[in-house]
Amino acid sequence: MINKNFDENSWYFFLDEENRTKILSNSTVADYNKGETIIKQGIAPKQIPFLEKGMVKLTSTNNNRTTTFKIIADNTFIGLMCAFVKKKFDFSAIAIIPSTVRMIDRSLFEEAIRTNGKFAVHVVHEMSLTTNMIVTELIQLNHKNADGAICTILLELSIVFKSKTFQLPFNRIEFANTVGYSKESVITCLSSLQEQGIIKVSGKAVEIIDLNRLEKIAAYG
């Protein structure tokens, strides 16, 4: 039976029936409320977390400053690149909205990689994309000011929602906590971006008007 929780491009569909049954039968599903920590930075992974439903922010804490560098949504592995080397997570994962996470047994996941070629190629592809993203974002973290961090989050949300028009999943205070700056900084930046014609904001509704300029501020701000 096909599990309706998985997207048609998910790892689930690259598994043969035997491995699929083993993994799903021996995994657990946990629900997290908004603001709850799914992964804590510095902890070594014992299972492989897969975000089935919801929205999660990945944050890194360095020199007592916490910065969000990525937002992920449905059907995404969390920290897959850390799972096989048994190293500690270099980041935390926190639910932005109520989220459902499947905790997958690492040994059964590894067994599926050894015995299922298509699945193994898919996992390598996912790990390569994720690693490249994490490295790029972490390199840029310490070089972002408030405007750069805020624009980065707006771009991440645009990618998550697959649209230049979307609803912010948090209020201004939560937005401030997400980027690691003050509420005033968030309000000032959003107002400035709107005055410059880069975005249009109404309450939680955001429309990106000038994507190129927003990307430049995110990259160099």
Protein backbone atom coordinates (compact mmCIF):
# COMPACT_ATOMS: atom_id res chain seq x y z
CA MET A 1 0.00 0.00 0.00
CA ILE A 2 1.32 3.44 -0.97
CA ASN A 3 1.81 5.76 1.99
CA LYS A 4 -0.01 9.03 1.26
CA ASN A 5 2.37 10.96 3.54
CA PHE A 6 5.18 10.72 0.98
CA ASP A 7 5.68 12.84 -2.11
CA GLU A 8 5.98 10.90 -5.37
CA ASN A 9 9.65 11.95 -5.65
CA SER A 10 10.44 10.87 -2.09
CA TRP A 11 13.03 8.28 -1.07
CA TYR A 12 10.08 6.02 -0.21
CA PHE A 13 9.43 5.29 -3.89
CA PHE A 14 13.04 4.31 -4.59
CA LEU A 15 12.88 1.42 -2.13
CA ASP A 16 12.00 -2.13 -3.06
CA GLU A 17 9.02 -3.59 -1.22
CA GLU A 18 11.08 -5.61 1.29
CA ASN A 19 13.23 -2.71 2.44
CA ARG A 20 10.26 -0.34 2.45
CA THR A 21 8.33 -2.65 4.75
CA LYS A 22 11.29 -3.11 7.11
CA ILE A 23 12.02 0.60 7.39
CA LEU A 24 8.44 1.74 7.87
CA SER A 25 7.65 -1.06 10.33
CA ASN A 26 10.65 -0.15 12.49
CA SER A 27 10.44 3.62 12.36
CA THR A 28 8.51 5.88 14.72
CA VAL A 29 6.52 9.01 13.94
CA ALA A 30 6.66 11.97 16.31
CA ASP A 31 4.66 15.19 16.32
CA TYR A 32 6.32 18.46 17.32
CA ASN A 33 4.55 21.63 18.35
CA LYS A 34 5.56 25.04 17.08
CA GLY A 35 8.86 26.05 18.71
CA GLU A 36 9.87 22.54 19.80
CA THR A 37 13.41 21.31 19.10
CA ILE A 38 13.68 18.27 16.83
CA ILE A 39 17.48 18.16 16.64
CA LYS A 40 19.82 19.84 19.09
CA GLN A 41 23.19 21.16 17.93
CA GLY A 42 26.08 19.14 19.32
CA ILE A 43 24.13 15.88 19.71
CA ALA A 44 25.21 12.77 17.78
CA PRO A 45 22.38 11.27 15.69
CA LYS A 46 21.03 7.84 16.59
CA GLN A 47 18.27 7.85 13.97
CA ILE A 48 17.62 9.53 10.64
CA PRO A 49 14.87 12.17 10.93
CA PHE A 50 12.60 12.74 7.95
CA LEU A 51 10.18 15.67 7.94
CA GLU A 52 6.93 14.24 6.59
CA LYS A 53 4.82 17.31 7.21
CA GLY A 54 5.36 20.82 8.54
CA MET A 55 8.07 23.46 8.42
CA VAL A 56 11.39 23.50 10.24
CA LYS A 57 14.19 26.03 10.60
CA LEU A 58 17.84 24.98 10.77
CA THR A 59 19.89 27.18 13.08
CA SER A 60 23.55 27.41 14.01
CA THR A 61 24.86 28.88 17.26
CA ASN A 62 28.34 30.37 17.28
CA ASN A 63 29.83 32.76 19.86
CA ASN A 64 26.46 32.95 21.63
CA ARG A 65 24.71 34.11 18.45
CA THR A 66 22.06 31.92 16.85
CA THR A 67 21.32 32.37 13.17
CA THR A 68 18.83 30.61 10.92
CA PHE A 69 20.39 29.55 7.61
CA LYS A 70 17.76 27.28 6.10
CA ILE A 71 14.04 26.58 6.21
CA ILE A 72 12.76 23.19 5.05
CA ALA A 73 9.28 21.79 4.53
CA ASP A 74 7.44 18.55 3.74
CA ASN A 75 9.29 15.44 2.53
CA THR A 76 12.81 16.46 3.50
CA PHE A 77 15.53 14.65 5.41
CA ILE A 78 16.95 16.54 8.39
CA GLY A 79 20.69 16.13 8.82
CA LEU A 80 21.13 13.20 6.46
CA MET A 81 24.79 14.08 5.84
CA CYS A 82 25.57 13.66 9.55
CA ALA A 83 23.81 10.33 10.03
CA PHE A 84 26.33 7.97 8.49
CA VAL A 85 29.54 9.35 9.94
CA LYS A 86 27.93 9.42 13.38
CA LYS A 87 29.25 12.93 13.96
CA LYS A 88 27.50 15.53 16.02
CA PHE A 89 24.95 17.76 14.37
CA ASP A 90 26.41 21.19 13.55
CA PHE A 91 22.98 22.75 13.79
CA SER A 92 19.62 22.58 15.53
CA ALA A 93 16.26 21.90 13.87
CA ILE A 94 13.23 23.65 15.35
CA ALA A 95 9.59 23.40 14.27
CA ILE A 96 8.21 26.64 12.87
CA ILE A 97 4.71 25.20 12.66
CA PRO A 98 3.30 21.90 14.01
CA SER A 99 5.37 19.23 12.28
CA THR A 100 5.46 15.46 11.87
CA VAL A 101 8.84 13.71 11.78
CA ARG A 102 9.57 10.06 11.02
CA MET A 103 12.57 8.70 12.95
CA ILE A 104 14.17 6.04 10.76
CA ASP A 105 16.36 3.21 12.05
CA ARG A 106 19.83 3.96 10.72
CA SER A 107 20.94 0.32 10.37
CA LEU A 108 17.91 -0.57 8.22
CA PHE A 109 18.45 2.57 6.14
CA GLU A 110 22.07 1.50 5.54
CA GLU A 111 20.93 -2.01 4.63
CA ALA A 112 18.60 -0.56 2.00
CA ILE A 113 21.50 1.41 0.53
CA ARG A 114 23.64 -1.73 0.26
CA THR A 115 20.91 -3.81 -1.42
CA ASN A 116 19.02 -1.27 -3.52
CA GLY A 117 21.03 0.54 -6.21
CA LYS A 118 18.40 3.09 -7.23
CA PHE A 119 17.82 4.00 -3.62
CA ALA A 120 21.57 4.35 -3.01
CA VAL A 121 21.94 6.75 -5.96
CA HIS A 122 18.99 8.79 -4.71
CA VAL A 123 20.48 9.05 -1.21
CA VAL A 124 23.88 10.15 -2.59
CA HIS A 125 22.13 12.77 -4.69
CA GLU A 126 20.18 14.08 -1.69
CA MET A 127 23.28 14.14 0.51
CA SER A 128 25.28 16.02 -2.14
CA LEU A 129 22.60 18.69 -2.54
CA THR A 130 22.18 19.08 1.20
CA THR A 131 25.90 19.21 1.95
CA ASN A 132 26.47 21.83 -0.72
CA MET A 133 23.63 23.92 0.69
CA ILE A 134 24.80 23.61 4.29
CA VAL A 135 28.42 24.48 3.50
CA THR A 136 27.43 27.50 1.42
CA GLU A 137 25.02 28.85 4.02
CA LEU A 138 27.34 28.30 6.99
CA ILE A 139 30.20 30.09 5.20
CA GLN A 140 27.94 33.10 4.70
CA LEU A 141 26.44 33.13 8.21
CA ASN A 142 28.96 35.36 9.94
CA HIS A 143 28.95 37.83 7.06
CA LYS A 144 25.27 38.73 7.16
CA ASN A 145 23.87 41.84 8.81
CA ALA A 146 20.20 42.11 9.78
CA ASP A 147 19.07 43.00 6.26
CA GLY A 148 21.03 40.10 4.77
CA ALA A 149 19.61 37.62 7.25
CA ILE A 150 16.03 38.81 6.78
CA CYS A 151 16.29 38.72 2.98
CA THR A 152 17.77 35.22 3.19
CA ILE A 153 14.75 34.00 5.14
CA LEU A 154 12.36 35.61 2.65
CA LEU A 155 14.15 33.80 -0.17
CA GLU A 156 14.05 30.52 1.74
CA LEU A 157 10.30 30.89 2.27
CA SER A 158 9.81 31.64 -1.41
CA ILE A 159 11.60 28.39 -2.23
CA VAL A 160 9.60 26.43 0.34
CA PHE A 161 6.27 27.78 -0.90
CA LYS A 162 7.44 27.63 -4.55
CA SER A 163 6.01 31.08 -5.12
CA LYS A 164 6.98 34.74 -4.93
CA THR A 165 3.75 35.30 -2.98
CA PHE A 166 3.32 33.61 0.38
CA GLN A 167 2.18 33.96 3.98
CA LEU A 168 4.81 34.34 6.69
CA PRO A 169 4.51 31.34 9.07
CA PHE A 170 5.38 33.57 12.05
CA ASN A 171 4.68 37.01 13.50
CA ARG A 172 7.26 39.79 13.69
CA ILE A 173 8.61 38.72 17.09
CA GLU A 174 9.00 35.12 15.90
CA PHE A 175 10.61 36.42 12.71
CA ALA A 176 13.10 38.33 14.87
CA ASN A 177 13.87 35.20 16.89
CA THR A 178 14.35 33.27 13.65
CA VAL A 179 16.95 35.65 12.22
CA GLY A 180 18.59 36.47 15.55
CA TYR A 181 17.91 40.21 15.42
CA SER A 182 15.44 42.53 17.16
CA LYS A 183 11.78 42.96 16.26
CA GLU A 184 12.58 46.58 15.39
CA SER A 185 15.25 45.45 12.93
CA VAL A 186 12.75 43.16 11.20
CA ILE A 187 10.08 45.87 10.98
CA THR A 188 12.58 48.46 9.72
CA CYS A 189 14.01 46.11 7.10
CA LEU A 190 10.61 45.00 5.78
CA SER A 191 9.46 48.62 5.58
CA SER A 192 12.65 49.62 3.75
CA LEU A 193 12.33 46.73 1.29
CA GLN A 194 8.76 47.77 0.58
CA GLU A 195 9.70 51.44 0.10
CA GLN A 196 12.38 50.38 -2.39
CA GLY A 197 9.85 48.33 -4.34
CA ILE A 198 11.64 45.06 -3.63
CA ILE A 199 8.73 43.43 -1.77
CA LYS A 200 5.14 44.18 -0.90
CA VAL A 201 4.00 43.42 2.65
CA SER A 202 0.50 43.36 4.13
CA GLY A 203 0.29 41.74 7.56
CA LYS A 204 1.78 38.27 7.06
CA ALA A 205 1.32 38.36 3.29
CA VAL A 206 4.52 38.91 1.32
CA GLU A 207 5.03 39.36 -2.41
CA ILE A 208 8.53 39.50 -3.87
CA ILE A 209 8.56 42.21 -6.55
CA ASP A 210 12.26 42.43 -7.41
CA LEU A 211 13.86 39.02 -6.91
CA ASN A 212 17.29 40.04 -8.20
CA ARG A 213 17.69 42.89 -5.72
CA LEU A 214 16.45 40.71 -2.87
CA GLU A 215 19.02 38.04 -3.77
CA LYS A 216 21.82 40.63 -3.83
CA ILE A 217 20.95 41.90 -0.35
CA ALA A 218 20.74 38.32 0.93
CA ALA A 219 24.16 37.50 -0.55
CA TYR A 220 26.04 40.67 0.36
CA GLY A 221 24.02 42.23 3.20
